[in-house]
Amino acid sequence: MKVFTRAMLSIAILMTFCLAGTVRAQEGQQEKKRSTTEAVLDSWNEIGNRVIAMAQDWPEDKYTYRMNTDVRTFQAVLLHVAGSNYDLLNGITKTKVGDGRNDPAAADYATKGKTVAFLKKSVEDGAAEIKKEGDAGVAAHLYYWIGYTEHMGEHYGLLVAYYRANGMVPPESRPKK
């Protein structure tokens, strides 16, 4: 039953990706139909780049900020996202890339620069794997690609709360220049 539900969820989400492109094209924009790979890659990069922008924007002296003792620090959230991205890649490729831990220790990424670089590399490596897999490979792992992209999105939302709790506006919510 679980496998059937996961398969149906994956199909529903894939159809949503494809229909989104169709709706935009019908709204007057000239857009070619996107492949499965393109749709997944666009979503992966969009949310990944939003989290990276936050990692780069957030003041280094606030990397240890947490909303309360029961949640991760800002930095720990970023490291968790990167570690999870590599967990996905290791599972799909059956190799060991990245740090190898789902929750790397902040002490191992002692600076903002090291944390941002690790996060950025995890998103880039994920994008490279999506491109490498192509439509057949992405479709075979679609449930995982969608789930881990959503995982990044969930943590993006958490980091938005960190911004708001500090009286700050997240990069994505700022007026565009």
N, C-alpha and C. Protein backbone atom coordinates (compact mmCIF):
# COMPACT_ATOMS: atom_id res chain seq x y z
N MET A 1 0.81 -1.18 0.00
CA MET A 1 0.00 0.00 0.00
C MET A 1 0.86 1.25 0.00
N LYS A 2 1.94 1.26 0.83
CA LYS A 2 2.82 2.42 0.89
C LYS A 2 3.46 2.71 -0.47
N VAL A 3 3.91 1.65 -1.15
CA VAL A 3 4.55 1.82 -2.46
C VAL A 3 3.55 2.41 -3.44
N PHE A 4 2.32 1.91 -3.43
CA PHE A 4 1.29 2.43 -4.32
C PHE A 4 1.04 3.90 -4.02
N THR A 5 0.93 4.26 -2.74
CA THR A 5 0.69 5.65 -2.35
C THR A 5 1.85 6.54 -2.78
N ARG A 6 3.06 6.09 -2.58
CA ARG A 6 4.23 6.87 -3.00
C ARG A 6 4.25 7.05 -4.50
N ALA A 7 3.94 5.99 -5.23
CA ALA A 7 3.92 6.08 -6.69
C ALA A 7 2.87 7.06 -7.15
N MET A 8 1.70 7.00 -6.55
CA MET A 8 0.62 7.92 -6.93
C MET A 8 1.00 9.37 -6.59
N LEU A 9 1.62 9.57 -5.45
CA LEU A 9 2.07 10.90 -5.06
C LEU A 9 3.09 11.42 -6.07
N SER A 10 4.03 10.59 -6.43
CA SER A 10 5.05 10.99 -7.40
C SER A 10 4.43 11.36 -8.73
N ILE A 11 3.49 10.57 -9.18
CA ILE A 11 2.82 10.85 -10.45
C ILE A 11 2.04 12.15 -10.36
N ALA A 12 1.34 12.36 -9.26
CA ALA A 12 0.56 13.59 -9.09
C ALA A 12 1.46 14.82 -9.08
N ILE A 13 2.58 14.72 -8.40
CA ILE A 13 3.49 15.87 -8.35
C ILE A 13 4.13 16.12 -9.71
N LEU A 14 4.51 15.05 -10.41
CA LEU A 14 5.07 15.21 -11.76
C LEU A 14 4.06 15.87 -12.68
N MET A 15 2.81 15.46 -12.59
CA MET A 15 1.78 16.07 -13.43
C MET A 15 1.63 17.55 -13.09
N THR A 16 1.75 17.89 -11.81
CA THR A 16 1.67 19.28 -11.40
C THR A 16 2.81 20.09 -12.01
N PHE A 17 4.03 19.52 -11.99
CA PHE A 17 5.18 20.20 -12.61
C PHE A 17 4.89 20.45 -14.09
N CYS A 18 4.44 19.43 -14.78
CA CYS A 18 4.19 19.54 -16.22
C CYS A 18 3.05 20.50 -16.52
N LEU A 19 1.98 20.43 -15.73
CA LEU A 19 0.85 21.32 -15.94
C LEU A 19 1.20 22.77 -15.65
N ALA A 20 2.09 22.99 -14.71
CA ALA A 20 2.50 24.36 -14.41
C ALA A 20 3.10 25.01 -15.64
N GLY A 21 3.91 24.26 -16.37
CA GLY A 21 4.49 24.77 -17.61
C GLY A 21 3.43 25.03 -18.65
N THR A 22 2.45 24.16 -18.73
CA THR A 22 1.36 24.32 -19.70
C THR A 22 0.53 25.56 -19.37
N VAL A 23 0.23 25.77 -18.11
CA VAL A 23 -0.56 26.93 -17.70
C VAL A 23 0.19 28.21 -18.04
N ARG A 24 1.48 28.25 -17.75
CA ARG A 24 2.26 29.45 -18.08
C ARG A 24 2.25 29.71 -19.58
N ALA A 25 2.37 28.66 -20.38
CA ALA A 25 2.36 28.82 -21.83
C ALA A 25 1.01 29.34 -22.29
N GLN A 26 -0.07 28.87 -21.66
CA GLN A 26 -1.40 29.31 -22.04
C GLN A 26 -1.66 30.75 -21.62
N GLU A 27 -0.90 31.23 -20.66
CA GLU A 27 -1.07 32.61 -20.21
C GLU A 27 -0.37 33.59 -21.14
N GLY A 28 0.06 33.13 -22.29
CA GLY A 28 0.65 34.02 -23.28
C GLY A 28 2.16 33.95 -23.37
N GLN A 29 2.79 33.26 -22.45
CA GLN A 29 4.24 33.13 -22.52
C GLN A 29 4.59 32.02 -23.49
N GLN A 30 5.56 32.26 -24.30
CA GLN A 30 6.05 31.24 -25.22
C GLN A 30 7.06 30.38 -24.48
N GLU A 31 6.61 29.22 -23.99
CA GLU A 31 7.50 28.33 -23.24
C GLU A 31 7.36 26.93 -23.78
N LYS A 32 8.50 26.31 -24.05
CA LYS A 32 8.46 24.94 -24.54
C LYS A 32 8.08 24.00 -23.40
N LYS A 33 7.55 22.85 -23.76
CA LYS A 33 7.20 21.85 -22.75
C LYS A 33 8.48 21.37 -22.10
N ARG A 34 8.46 21.34 -20.77
CA ARG A 34 9.65 20.92 -20.03
C ARG A 34 9.66 19.42 -19.83
N SER A 35 10.84 18.87 -19.88
CA SER A 35 11.01 17.45 -19.60
C SER A 35 10.95 17.23 -18.09
N THR A 36 10.86 15.97 -17.70
CA THR A 36 10.88 15.62 -16.28
C THR A 36 12.15 16.15 -15.64
N THR A 37 13.28 15.94 -16.32
CA THR A 37 14.57 16.41 -15.79
C THR A 37 14.56 17.91 -15.59
N GLU A 38 14.07 18.65 -16.58
CA GLU A 38 14.04 20.11 -16.48
C GLU A 38 13.14 20.57 -15.33
N ALA A 39 11.98 19.94 -15.18
CA ALA A 39 11.06 20.33 -14.12
C ALA A 39 11.66 20.08 -12.74
N VAL A 40 12.25 18.91 -12.56
CA VAL A 40 12.85 18.58 -11.26
C VAL A 40 14.06 19.47 -11.00
N LEU A 41 14.89 19.67 -12.01
CA LEU A 41 16.08 20.52 -11.88
C LEU A 41 15.68 21.95 -11.52
N ASP A 42 14.67 22.49 -12.19
CA ASP A 42 14.22 23.85 -11.89
C ASP A 42 13.76 23.97 -10.44
N SER A 43 12.98 23.00 -9.97
CA SER A 43 12.50 23.05 -8.59
C SER A 43 13.64 22.90 -7.59
N TRP A 44 14.54 21.94 -7.86
CA TRP A 44 15.70 21.71 -6.98
C TRP A 44 16.52 22.98 -6.86
N ASN A 45 16.85 23.59 -8.01
CA ASN A 45 17.68 24.79 -8.00
C ASN A 45 16.97 25.98 -7.38
N GLU A 46 15.68 26.11 -7.63
CA GLU A 46 14.95 27.26 -7.10
C GLU A 46 14.99 27.28 -5.57
N ILE A 47 14.61 26.18 -4.95
CA ILE A 47 14.59 26.18 -3.48
C ILE A 47 16.01 26.12 -2.93
N GLY A 48 16.88 25.37 -3.59
CA GLY A 48 18.28 25.32 -3.14
C GLY A 48 18.92 26.69 -3.14
N ASN A 49 18.68 27.45 -4.21
CA ASN A 49 19.27 28.79 -4.30
C ASN A 49 18.66 29.76 -3.28
N ARG A 50 17.40 29.55 -2.93
CA ARG A 50 16.80 30.40 -1.89
C ARG A 50 17.47 30.14 -0.54
N VAL A 51 17.73 28.88 -0.23
CA VAL A 51 18.39 28.56 1.04
C VAL A 51 19.83 29.07 1.02
N ILE A 52 20.52 28.93 -0.11
CA ILE A 52 21.88 29.45 -0.24
C ILE A 52 21.90 30.96 -0.05
N ALA A 53 20.93 31.66 -0.65
CA ALA A 53 20.87 33.13 -0.49
C ALA A 53 20.72 33.50 0.98
N MET A 54 19.93 32.73 1.71
CA MET A 54 19.78 33.00 3.15
C MET A 54 21.09 32.74 3.88
N ALA A 55 21.75 31.65 3.54
CA ALA A 55 23.02 31.31 4.19
C ALA A 55 24.06 32.41 3.97
N GLN A 56 24.06 32.98 2.77
CA GLN A 56 25.01 34.04 2.46
C GLN A 56 24.62 35.36 3.11
N ASP A 57 23.34 35.60 3.25
CA ASP A 57 22.82 36.87 3.76
C ASP A 57 22.86 36.96 5.28
N TRP A 58 22.59 35.86 5.96
CA TRP A 58 22.46 35.86 7.41
C TRP A 58 23.79 36.27 8.06
N PRO A 59 23.77 37.17 9.04
CA PRO A 59 25.01 37.61 9.68
C PRO A 59 25.74 36.44 10.37
N GLU A 60 27.03 36.39 10.20
CA GLU A 60 27.81 35.29 10.78
C GLU A 60 27.68 35.25 12.31
N ASP A 61 27.58 36.42 12.94
CA ASP A 61 27.48 36.42 14.40
C ASP A 61 26.13 35.88 14.89
N LYS A 62 25.19 35.63 13.98
CA LYS A 62 23.89 35.06 14.35
C LYS A 62 23.76 33.60 13.88
N TYR A 63 24.83 33.00 13.41
CA TYR A 63 24.76 31.61 12.95
C TYR A 63 24.40 30.65 14.08
N THR A 64 24.64 31.04 15.32
CA THR A 64 24.30 30.19 16.47
C THR A 64 22.90 30.49 17.01
N TYR A 65 22.19 31.40 16.37
CA TYR A 65 20.85 31.75 16.82
C TYR A 65 19.90 30.56 16.66
N ARG A 66 19.07 30.36 17.66
CA ARG A 66 17.98 29.37 17.60
C ARG A 66 16.77 30.01 18.26
N MET A 67 15.59 29.65 17.76
CA MET A 67 14.37 30.26 18.29
C MET A 67 14.07 29.80 19.70
N ASN A 68 14.45 28.59 20.04
CA ASN A 68 14.36 28.08 21.41
C ASN A 68 15.28 26.86 21.51
N THR A 69 15.41 26.34 22.69
CA THR A 69 16.37 25.25 22.91
C THR A 69 15.99 23.94 22.23
N ASP A 70 14.75 23.83 21.76
CA ASP A 70 14.29 22.59 21.14
C ASP A 70 14.51 22.54 19.63
N VAL A 71 15.07 23.59 19.04
CA VAL A 71 15.27 23.62 17.59
C VAL A 71 16.75 23.84 17.27
N ARG A 72 17.10 23.53 16.05
CA ARG A 72 18.49 23.70 15.59
C ARG A 72 18.85 25.18 15.49
N THR A 73 20.14 25.44 15.57
CA THR A 73 20.64 26.79 15.29
C THR A 73 20.48 27.05 13.79
N PHE A 74 20.60 28.30 13.41
CA PHE A 74 20.53 28.66 12.00
C PHE A 74 21.56 27.84 11.21
N GLN A 75 22.77 27.80 11.70
CA GLN A 75 23.83 27.05 11.03
C GLN A 75 23.51 25.56 10.98
N ALA A 76 23.01 25.00 12.06
CA ALA A 76 22.69 23.57 12.09
C ALA A 76 21.61 23.22 11.07
N VAL A 77 20.67 24.13 10.85
CA VAL A 77 19.65 23.90 9.82
C VAL A 77 20.32 23.81 8.45
N LEU A 78 21.21 24.73 8.17
CA LEU A 78 21.92 24.72 6.87
C LEU A 78 22.73 23.44 6.69
N LEU A 79 23.43 23.04 7.74
CA LEU A 79 24.24 21.82 7.67
C LEU A 79 23.36 20.59 7.52
N HIS A 80 22.20 20.59 8.16
CA HIS A 80 21.26 19.48 8.03
C HIS A 80 20.74 19.38 6.59
N VAL A 81 20.40 20.51 6.00
CA VAL A 81 19.93 20.51 4.61
C VAL A 81 21.01 19.94 3.70
N ALA A 82 22.23 20.42 3.85
CA ALA A 82 23.33 19.92 3.01
C ALA A 82 23.57 18.44 3.27
N GLY A 83 23.59 18.03 4.53
CA GLY A 83 23.80 16.62 4.85
C GLY A 83 22.71 15.74 4.27
N SER A 84 21.47 16.21 4.33
CA SER A 84 20.36 15.45 3.75
C SER A 84 20.45 15.38 2.24
N ASN A 85 20.89 16.47 1.61
CA ASN A 85 21.08 16.44 0.16
C ASN A 85 22.09 15.35 -0.21
N TYR A 86 23.16 15.26 0.55
CA TYR A 86 24.15 14.21 0.29
C TYR A 86 23.62 12.82 0.64
N ASP A 87 22.75 12.74 1.63
CA ASP A 87 22.11 11.46 1.94
C ASP A 87 21.33 10.96 0.72
N LEU A 88 20.61 11.86 0.09
CA LEU A 88 19.89 11.52 -1.14
C LEU A 88 20.85 11.05 -2.22
N LEU A 89 21.89 11.84 -2.46
CA LEU A 89 22.84 11.50 -3.53
C LEU A 89 23.54 10.18 -3.27
N ASN A 90 23.90 9.93 -2.03
CA ASN A 90 24.55 8.66 -1.69
C ASN A 90 23.61 7.49 -1.91
N GLY A 91 22.34 7.69 -1.60
CA GLY A 91 21.36 6.63 -1.81
C GLY A 91 21.11 6.34 -3.27
N ILE A 92 21.05 7.38 -4.08
CA ILE A 92 20.78 7.21 -5.51
C ILE A 92 21.99 6.66 -6.24
N THR A 93 23.15 7.22 -5.95
CA THR A 93 24.35 6.84 -6.71
C THR A 93 25.07 5.63 -6.14
N LYS A 94 24.71 5.24 -4.93
CA LYS A 94 25.39 4.12 -4.24
C LYS A 94 26.89 4.40 -4.08
N THR A 95 27.22 5.67 -3.90
CA THR A 95 28.60 6.09 -3.64
C THR A 95 28.60 6.92 -2.37
N LYS A 96 29.78 7.37 -1.97
CA LYS A 96 29.86 8.25 -0.80
C LYS A 96 30.40 9.60 -1.26
N VAL A 97 29.50 10.57 -1.31
CA VAL A 97 29.89 11.94 -1.62
C VAL A 97 29.47 12.81 -0.46
N GLY A 98 30.10 13.96 -0.34
CA GLY A 98 29.75 14.88 0.73
C GLY A 98 30.35 14.46 2.05
N ASP A 99 29.73 14.90 3.09
CA ASP A 99 30.21 14.70 4.45
C ASP A 99 29.89 13.30 4.98
N GLY A 100 28.78 12.73 4.54
CA GLY A 100 28.40 11.40 4.99
C GLY A 100 27.52 11.40 6.23
N ARG A 101 27.27 12.58 6.77
CA ARG A 101 26.42 12.68 7.97
C ARG A 101 25.18 13.51 7.63
N ASN A 102 24.05 13.11 8.15
CA ASN A 102 22.82 13.85 7.93
C ASN A 102 22.83 15.17 8.72
N ASP A 103 23.51 15.18 9.84
CA ASP A 103 23.61 16.37 10.68
C ASP A 103 25.07 16.62 11.04
N PRO A 104 25.84 17.16 10.10
CA PRO A 104 27.26 17.43 10.40
C PRO A 104 27.39 18.39 11.58
N ALA A 105 28.45 18.22 12.32
CA ALA A 105 28.70 19.08 13.48
C ALA A 105 29.12 20.47 13.05
N ALA A 106 28.55 21.46 13.70
CA ALA A 106 28.90 22.86 13.39
C ALA A 106 30.39 23.11 13.59
N ALA A 107 30.99 22.43 14.55
CA ALA A 107 32.42 22.61 14.81
C ALA A 107 33.28 22.21 13.60
N ASP A 108 32.76 21.32 12.77
CA ASP A 108 33.50 20.90 11.57
C ASP A 108 33.36 21.90 10.43
N TYR A 109 32.46 22.86 10.59
CA TYR A 109 32.25 23.93 9.61
C TYR A 109 32.24 25.23 10.40
N ALA A 110 33.40 25.56 10.95
CA ALA A 110 33.53 26.59 11.97
C ALA A 110 33.22 28.01 11.51
N THR A 111 33.17 28.24 10.21
CA THR A 111 32.90 29.60 9.73
C THR A 111 31.68 29.62 8.82
N LYS A 112 31.15 30.81 8.66
CA LYS A 112 30.03 31.00 7.74
C LYS A 112 30.46 30.56 6.34
N GLY A 113 31.65 30.93 5.93
CA GLY A 113 32.14 30.59 4.59
C GLY A 113 32.16 29.09 4.34
N LYS A 114 32.61 28.33 5.33
CA LYS A 114 32.66 26.87 5.17
C LYS A 114 31.26 26.27 5.12
N THR A 115 30.36 26.81 5.92
CA THR A 115 28.99 26.33 5.93
C THR A 115 28.31 26.62 4.59
N VAL A 116 28.46 27.86 4.11
CA VAL A 116 27.86 28.25 2.82
C VAL A 116 28.43 27.39 1.70
N ALA A 117 29.74 27.19 1.70
CA ALA A 117 30.38 26.39 0.64
C ALA A 117 29.86 24.95 0.64
N PHE A 118 29.69 24.36 1.81
CA PHE A 118 29.17 22.99 1.93
C PHE A 118 27.74 22.91 1.41
N LEU A 119 26.91 23.84 1.83
CA LEU A 119 25.52 23.88 1.37
C LEU A 119 25.46 24.07 -0.14
N LYS A 120 26.20 25.04 -0.64
CA LYS A 120 26.20 25.34 -2.07
C LYS A 120 26.65 24.13 -2.89
N LYS A 121 27.68 23.47 -2.42
CA LYS A 121 28.19 22.28 -3.13
C LYS A 121 27.15 21.18 -3.14
N SER A 122 26.40 21.01 -2.05
CA SER A 122 25.38 19.96 -2.01
C SER A 122 24.28 20.21 -3.03
N VAL A 123 23.90 21.47 -3.20
CA VAL A 123 22.88 21.82 -4.19
C VAL A 123 23.44 21.63 -5.60
N GLU A 124 24.67 22.08 -5.81
CA GLU A 124 25.30 21.91 -7.13
C GLU A 124 25.47 20.44 -7.48
N ASP A 125 25.89 19.64 -6.50
CA ASP A 125 26.07 18.21 -6.77
C ASP A 125 24.73 17.53 -7.06
N GLY A 126 23.68 17.97 -6.39
CA GLY A 126 22.35 17.44 -6.67
C GLY A 126 21.92 17.80 -8.09
N ALA A 127 22.14 19.05 -8.49
CA ALA A 127 21.78 19.48 -9.84
C ALA A 127 22.57 18.70 -10.89
N ALA A 128 23.84 18.47 -10.62
CA ALA A 128 24.67 17.70 -11.56
C ALA A 128 24.15 16.27 -11.70
N GLU A 129 23.71 15.68 -10.59
CA GLU A 129 23.18 14.30 -10.64
C GLU A 129 21.86 14.25 -11.41
N ILE A 130 21.02 15.25 -11.22
CA ILE A 130 19.75 15.30 -11.96
C ILE A 130 20.06 15.33 -13.46
N LYS A 131 20.98 16.19 -13.86
CA LYS A 131 21.35 16.29 -15.28
C LYS A 131 21.93 14.97 -15.78
N LYS A 132 22.76 14.36 -14.97
CA LYS A 132 23.42 13.10 -15.35
C LYS A 132 22.39 11.98 -15.52
N GLU A 133 21.41 11.92 -14.63
CA GLU A 133 20.41 10.85 -14.68
C GLU A 133 19.51 10.95 -15.90
N GLY A 134 19.20 12.17 -16.32
CA GLY A 134 18.28 12.33 -17.43
C GLY A 134 16.87 11.89 -17.04
N ASP A 135 15.96 11.95 -18.00
CA ASP A 135 14.55 11.68 -17.71
C ASP A 135 14.31 10.30 -17.12
N ALA A 136 14.94 9.28 -17.67
CA ALA A 136 14.70 7.92 -17.17
C ALA A 136 15.17 7.77 -15.73
N GLY A 137 16.36 8.27 -15.42
CA GLY A 137 16.89 8.17 -14.07
C GLY A 137 16.11 9.00 -13.08
N VAL A 138 15.77 10.23 -13.48
CA VAL A 138 15.00 11.09 -12.59
C VAL A 138 13.63 10.47 -12.33
N ALA A 139 13.00 9.94 -13.36
CA ALA A 139 11.69 9.31 -13.18
C ALA A 139 11.79 8.11 -12.24
N ALA A 140 12.87 7.35 -12.34
CA ALA A 140 13.05 6.19 -11.48
C ALA A 140 13.21 6.58 -10.01
N HIS A 141 13.74 7.77 -9.77
CA HIS A 141 13.98 8.24 -8.40
C HIS A 141 13.09 9.44 -8.07
N LEU A 142 12.03 9.62 -8.81
CA LEU A 142 11.21 10.83 -8.69
C LEU A 142 10.70 11.06 -7.28
N TYR A 143 10.26 10.02 -6.63
CA TYR A 143 9.75 10.14 -5.27
C TYR A 143 10.82 10.78 -4.36
N TYR A 144 12.06 10.35 -4.52
CA TYR A 144 13.15 10.87 -3.69
C TYR A 144 13.50 12.30 -4.05
N TRP A 145 13.59 12.59 -5.35
CA TRP A 145 13.91 13.96 -5.77
C TRP A 145 12.85 14.93 -5.26
N ILE A 146 11.60 14.56 -5.38
CA ILE A 146 10.53 15.44 -4.92
C ILE A 146 10.57 15.57 -3.39
N GLY A 147 10.75 14.46 -2.71
CA GLY A 147 10.79 14.49 -1.25
C GLY A 147 11.92 15.34 -0.70
N TYR A 148 13.10 15.20 -1.27
CA TYR A 148 14.24 15.97 -0.76
C TYR A 148 14.16 17.44 -1.17
N THR A 149 13.56 17.72 -2.32
CA THR A 149 13.33 19.12 -2.69
C THR A 149 12.35 19.74 -1.71
N GLU A 150 11.30 19.01 -1.39
CA GLU A 150 10.33 19.48 -0.39
C GLU A 150 11.00 19.66 0.97
N HIS A 151 11.92 18.77 1.31
CA HIS A 151 12.65 18.87 2.57
C HIS A 151 13.40 20.21 2.64
N MET A 152 14.06 20.57 1.54
CA MET A 152 14.74 21.87 1.52
C MET A 152 13.72 22.99 1.71
N GLY A 153 12.56 22.85 1.08
CA GLY A 153 11.50 23.86 1.18
C GLY A 153 10.98 24.01 2.60
N GLU A 154 10.85 22.90 3.30
CA GLU A 154 10.39 22.96 4.69
C GLU A 154 11.39 23.72 5.55
N HIS A 155 12.67 23.47 5.34
CA HIS A 155 13.68 24.18 6.12
C HIS A 155 13.82 25.64 5.69
N TYR A 156 13.55 25.91 4.42
CA TYR A 156 13.49 27.30 3.97
C TYR A 156 12.43 28.05 4.80
N GLY A 157 11.27 27.44 4.96
CA GLY A 157 10.20 28.05 5.74
C GLY A 157 10.61 28.28 7.19
N LEU A 158 11.32 27.33 7.76
CA LEU A 158 11.81 27.49 9.13
C LEU A 158 12.77 28.68 9.20
N LEU A 159 13.66 28.80 8.22
CA LEU A 159 14.62 29.90 8.24
C LEU A 159 13.93 31.25 8.04
N VAL A 160 12.82 31.28 7.31
CA VAL A 160 12.03 32.51 7.20
C VAL A 160 11.57 32.93 8.60
N ALA A 161 11.15 31.96 9.40
CA ALA A 161 10.72 32.28 10.77
C ALA A 161 11.89 32.84 11.58
N TYR A 162 13.11 32.31 11.38
CA TYR A 162 14.29 32.83 12.07
C TYR A 162 14.51 34.31 11.69
N TYR A 163 14.37 34.60 10.39
CA TYR A 163 14.50 35.99 9.94
C TYR A 163 13.47 36.87 10.65
N ARG A 164 12.21 36.46 10.59
CA ARG A 164 11.13 37.28 11.14
C ARG A 164 11.29 37.47 12.65
N ALA A 165 11.73 36.44 13.35
CA ALA A 165 11.93 36.54 14.80
C ALA A 165 13.04 37.53 15.15
N ASN A 166 13.91 37.79 14.18
CA ASN A 166 15.01 38.75 14.40
C ASN A 166 14.72 40.11 13.76
N GLY A 167 13.47 40.32 13.35
CA GLY A 167 13.10 41.59 12.74
C GLY A 167 13.74 41.81 11.38
N MET A 168 14.09 40.73 10.71
CA MET A 168 14.76 40.81 9.41
C MET A 168 13.83 40.33 8.31
N VAL A 169 14.07 40.79 7.09
CA VAL A 169 13.29 40.39 5.93
C VAL A 169 14.13 39.40 5.12
N PRO A 170 13.60 38.21 4.84
CA PRO A 170 14.35 37.23 4.04
C PRO A 170 14.64 37.77 2.64
N PRO A 171 15.75 37.36 2.04
CA PRO A 171 16.12 37.87 0.70
C PRO A 171 15.00 37.76 -0.33
N GLU A 172 14.28 36.66 -0.33
CA GLU A 172 13.23 36.43 -1.34
C GLU A 172 12.05 37.38 -1.16
N SER A 173 11.86 37.90 0.05
CA SER A 173 10.72 38.78 0.34
C SER A 173 11.05 40.26 0.15
N ARG A 174 12.28 40.56 -0.14
CA ARG A 174 12.68 41.96 -0.31
C ARG A 174 12.24 42.47 -1.68
N PRO A 175 11.98 43.78 -1.76
CA PRO A 175 11.63 44.34 -3.07
C PRO A 175 12.75 44.08 -4.08
N LYS A 176 12.34 43.75 -5.29
CA LYS A 176 13.31 43.49 -6.36
C LYS A 176 13.78 44.82 -6.93
N LYS A 177 15.07 44.89 -7.19
CA LYS A 177 15.64 46.14 -7.72
C LYS A 177 15.51 46.22 -9.21
